[in-house]
Amino acid sequence: MQKFWKEHVVLRLTLIALLFILGIALVISGWKMTGELSGLGIMVGGVVVLLAAIFVYNAPYED
């Protein structure tokens, strides 16, 4: 899997950008729903998406 991400740099950067934008949008939209449990769930989902972006970013550097 490490070789795949090193060879497809444009795909990796595009995926990171999309995941980052989606994650930030989810966190902000959940934050606007202060006091509602569904807002917390949306924010947690946004954090999970941001962690997926970090995973894709770090994938080529795994040993």
C-alpha atoms as a PDB file:
ATOM      1  CA  MET A   1       0.000   0.000   0.000  1.00  0.00           C
ATOM      2  CA  GLN A   2       2.933   2.298   0.689  1.00  0.00           C
ATOM      3  CA  LYS A   3       4.092   2.100  -2.938  1.00  0.00           C
ATOM      4  CA  PHE A   4       0.609   2.925  -4.246  1.00  0.00           C
ATOM      5  CA  TRP A   5       0.463   6.249  -2.381  1.00  0.00           C
ATOM      6  CA  LYS A   6       3.994   7.202  -3.422  1.00  0.00           C
ATOM      7  CA  GLU A   7       3.178   6.636  -7.107  1.00  0.00           C
ATOM      8  CA  HIS A   8      -0.200   8.452  -7.117  1.00  0.00           C
ATOM      9  CA  VAL A   9       0.665  11.823  -5.638  1.00  0.00           C
ATOM     10  CA  VAL A  10      -2.129  13.782  -7.364  1.00  0.00           C
ATOM     11  CA  LEU A  11      -4.751  11.294  -6.179  1.00  0.00           C
ATOM     12  CA  ARG A  12      -3.365  11.467  -2.644  1.00  0.00           C
ATOM     13  CA  LEU A  13      -3.353  15.272  -2.556  1.00  0.00           C
ATOM     14  CA  THR A  14      -6.869  15.460  -3.988  1.00  0.00           C
ATOM     15  CA  LEU A  15      -8.173  12.945  -1.469  1.00  0.00           C
ATOM     16  CA  ILE A  16      -6.485  14.779   1.416  1.00  0.00           C
ATOM     17  CA  ALA A  17      -7.959  18.111   0.297  1.00  0.00           C
ATOM     18  CA  LEU A  18     -11.475  16.669  -0.062  1.00  0.00           C
ATOM     19  CA  LEU A  19     -11.337  14.903   3.298  1.00  0.00           C
ATOM     20  CA  PHE A  20      -9.998  18.034   5.001  1.00  0.00           C
ATOM     21  CA  ILE A  21     -12.719  20.276   3.564  1.00  0.00           C
ATOM     22  CA  LEU A  22     -15.444  17.760   4.398  1.00  0.00           C
ATOM     23  CA  GLY A  23     -14.118  17.264   7.935  1.00  0.00           C
ATOM     24  CA  ILE A  24     -13.904  20.978   8.673  1.00  0.00           C
ATOM     25  CA  ALA A  25     -17.400  21.517   7.232  1.00  0.00           C
ATOM     26  CA  LEU A  26     -18.820  18.770   9.455  1.00  0.00           C
ATOM     27  CA  VAL A  27     -17.124  20.120  12.571  1.00  0.00           C
ATOM     28  CA  ILE A  28     -18.363  23.659  11.912  1.00  0.00           C
ATOM     29  CA  SER A  29     -21.914  22.563  11.088  1.00  0.00           C
ATOM     30  CA  GLY A  30     -22.030  20.420  14.231  1.00  0.00           C
ATOM     31  CA  TRP A  31     -20.641  23.279  16.280  1.00  0.00           C
ATOM     32  CA  LYS A  32     -23.522  25.501  15.149  1.00  0.00           C
ATOM     33  CA  MET A  33     -25.936  22.988  16.688  1.00  0.00           C
ATOM     34  CA  THR A  34     -24.779  23.678  20.259  1.00  0.00           C
ATOM     35  CA  GLY A  35     -26.913  21.941  22.856  1.00  0.00           C
ATOM     36  CA  GLU A  36     -28.163  19.168  20.555  1.00  0.00           C
ATOM     37  CA  LEU A  37     -26.881  15.622  20.684  1.00  0.00           C
ATOM     38  CA  SER A  38     -26.971  15.317  16.892  1.00  0.00           C
ATOM     39  CA  GLY A  39     -24.531  18.262  16.684  1.00  0.00           C
ATOM     40  CA  LEU A  40     -22.069  16.331  18.822  1.00  0.00           C
ATOM     41  CA  GLY A  41     -22.423  13.318  16.531  1.00  0.00           C
ATOM     42  CA  ILE A  42     -21.765  15.444  13.463  1.00  0.00           C
ATOM     43  CA  MET A  43     -18.660  16.948  15.077  1.00  0.00           C
ATOM     44  CA  VAL A  44     -17.342  13.502  16.034  1.00  0.00           C
ATOM     45  CA  GLY A  45     -17.920  12.383  12.450  1.00  0.00           C
ATOM     46  CA  GLY A  46     -15.959  15.410  11.255  1.00  0.00           C
ATOM     47  CA  VAL A  47     -13.060  14.528  13.543  1.00  0.00           C
ATOM     48  CA  VAL A  48     -13.073  10.968  12.175  1.00  0.00           C
ATOM     49  CA  VAL A  49     -12.916  12.344   8.614  1.00  0.00           C
ATOM     50  CA  LEU A  50     -10.012  14.616   9.609  1.00  0.00           C
ATOM     51  CA  LEU A  51      -8.209  11.614  11.086  1.00  0.00           C
ATOM     52  CA  ALA A  52      -8.747   9.776   7.788  1.00  0.00           C
ATOM     53  CA  ALA A  53      -7.081  12.701   6.000  1.00  0.00           C
ATOM     54  CA  ILE A  54      -4.102  12.395   8.342  1.00  0.00           C
ATOM     55  CA  PHE A  55      -3.983   8.637   7.680  1.00  0.00           C
ATOM     56  CA  VAL A  56      -3.842   9.223   3.910  1.00  0.00           C
ATOM     57  CA  TYR A  57      -1.188  11.905   4.400  1.00  0.00           C
ATOM     58  CA  ASN A  58       1.028   9.563   6.442  1.00  0.00           C
ATOM     59  CA  ALA A  59       0.471   6.429   4.303  1.00  0.00           C
ATOM     60  CA  PRO A  60       3.571   6.804   2.076  1.00  0.00           C
ATOM     61  CA  TYR A  61       5.857   7.182   5.098  1.00  0.00           C
ATOM     62  CA  GLU A  62       4.978   3.922   6.855  1.00  0.00           C
ATOM     63  CA  ASP A  63       7.858   1.524   7.464  1.00  0.00           C
END
